[in-house]
Amino acid sequence: MDSETQPTAQFPVLPETQPAQPPPSADKPRLIAPVWHTILIVVIVLANSLFTASSFATHRGEASTAAGRIGGYAFTIALEFFL
């Protein structure tokens, strides 16, 4: 009797296959958006934050109205949704 595995209906002998080769890696990963676009978005968000904080700070001594705050929040939500 041979020490080699004999093919049977339950365990057929399959030809040896080569492992899959990984795709060649790119030299530099591709960016989703240009750098200037990302910087512009960050500047817009920071400017809105600064404007909102300064407008709330100037009206701190006065009785703040819910309508004023709701308007500020609505503008911020709309701006961030647009971005």
Protein backbone atom coordinates (compact mmCIF):
# COMPACT_ATOMS: atom_id res chain seq x y z
CA MET A 1 0.00 0.00 0.00
CA ASP A 2 1.15 3.45 -0.86
CA SER A 3 1.55 6.19 1.70
CA GLU A 4 0.11 8.71 -0.79
CA THR A 5 -3.47 9.79 -0.48
CA GLN A 6 -5.70 8.01 -2.88
CA PRO A 7 -8.65 9.91 -4.41
CA THR A 8 -12.02 8.79 -3.22
CA ALA A 9 -15.52 10.05 -3.84
CA GLN A 10 -15.47 11.71 -0.44
CA PHE A 11 -12.01 13.35 -0.71
CA PRO A 12 -10.99 13.99 -4.32
CA VAL A 13 -7.40 15.02 -4.98
CA LEU A 14 -7.35 18.57 -6.29
CA PRO A 15 -4.52 20.03 -8.33
CA GLU A 16 -2.28 22.38 -6.42
CA THR A 17 -3.23 25.99 -6.91
CA GLN A 18 -1.16 29.10 -6.60
CA PRO A 19 -2.17 31.52 -3.85
CA ALA A 20 -3.83 34.66 -5.15
CA GLN A 21 -1.39 37.44 -5.82
CA PRO A 22 -2.22 40.73 -4.09
CA PRO A 23 -2.81 43.62 -6.48
CA PRO A 24 0.21 45.83 -6.97
CA SER A 25 0.14 48.69 -4.50
CA ALA A 26 0.02 52.22 -5.79
CA ASP A 27 2.92 54.50 -5.05
CA LYS A 28 0.79 57.20 -3.44
CA PRO A 29 -2.77 56.88 -2.12
CA ARG A 30 -5.31 58.94 -4.04
CA LEU A 31 -7.10 61.69 -2.12
CA ILE A 32 -10.88 61.88 -2.07
CA ALA A 33 -10.96 65.68 -2.25
CA PRO A 34 -8.32 68.29 -3.02
CA VAL A 35 -6.49 69.79 -0.05
CA TRP A 36 -7.74 73.32 -0.83
CA HIS A 37 -11.34 72.09 -0.65
CA THR A 38 -10.82 70.56 2.79
CA ILE A 39 -9.15 73.74 4.05
CA LEU A 40 -12.04 75.85 2.70
CA ILE A 41 -14.64 73.69 4.46
CA VAL A 42 -12.75 73.91 7.76
CA VAL A 43 -12.41 77.71 7.44
CA ILE A 44 -16.16 78.08 6.75
CA VAL A 45 -17.10 75.94 9.76
CA LEU A 46 -14.69 77.82 12.04
CA ALA A 47 -15.94 81.20 10.79
CA ASN A 48 -19.54 80.18 11.50
CA SER A 49 -18.55 79.01 14.98
CA LEU A 50 -16.74 82.28 15.69
CA PHE A 51 -19.66 84.38 14.40
CA THR A 52 -22.21 82.41 16.40
CA ALA A 53 -20.16 82.52 19.61
CA SER A 54 -19.52 86.26 19.29
CA SER A 55 -23.17 87.05 18.57
CA PHE A 56 -24.32 85.06 21.60
CA ALA A 57 -21.62 86.68 23.77
CA THR A 58 -22.74 90.22 22.85
CA HIS A 59 -26.33 89.46 23.86
CA ARG A 60 -25.41 87.71 27.11
CA GLY A 61 -26.39 90.62 29.35
CA GLU A 62 -29.74 90.98 27.67
CA ALA A 63 -32.60 88.58 28.01
CA SER A 64 -31.91 86.10 25.24
CA THR A 65 -34.91 85.22 23.20
CA ALA A 66 -35.66 81.76 22.03
CA ALA A 67 -36.30 83.11 18.53
CA GLY A 68 -32.77 84.53 18.34
CA ARG A 69 -31.17 81.29 19.37
CA ILE A 70 -33.42 79.22 17.15
CA GLY A 71 -32.47 81.42 14.19
CA GLY A 72 -28.77 80.91 14.92
CA TYR A 73 -29.17 77.19 15.31
CA ALA A 74 -31.28 76.93 12.15
CA PHE A 75 -28.66 78.84 10.16
CA THR A 76 -25.89 76.58 11.47
CA ILE A 77 -27.87 73.43 10.68
CA ALA A 78 -28.65 74.68 7.16
CA LEU A 79 -25.01 75.66 6.54
CA GLU A 80 -23.65 72.32 7.69
CA PHE A 81 -26.30 70.45 5.71
CA PHE A 82 -25.27 72.45 2.62
CA LEU A 83 -21.59 71.70 3.19
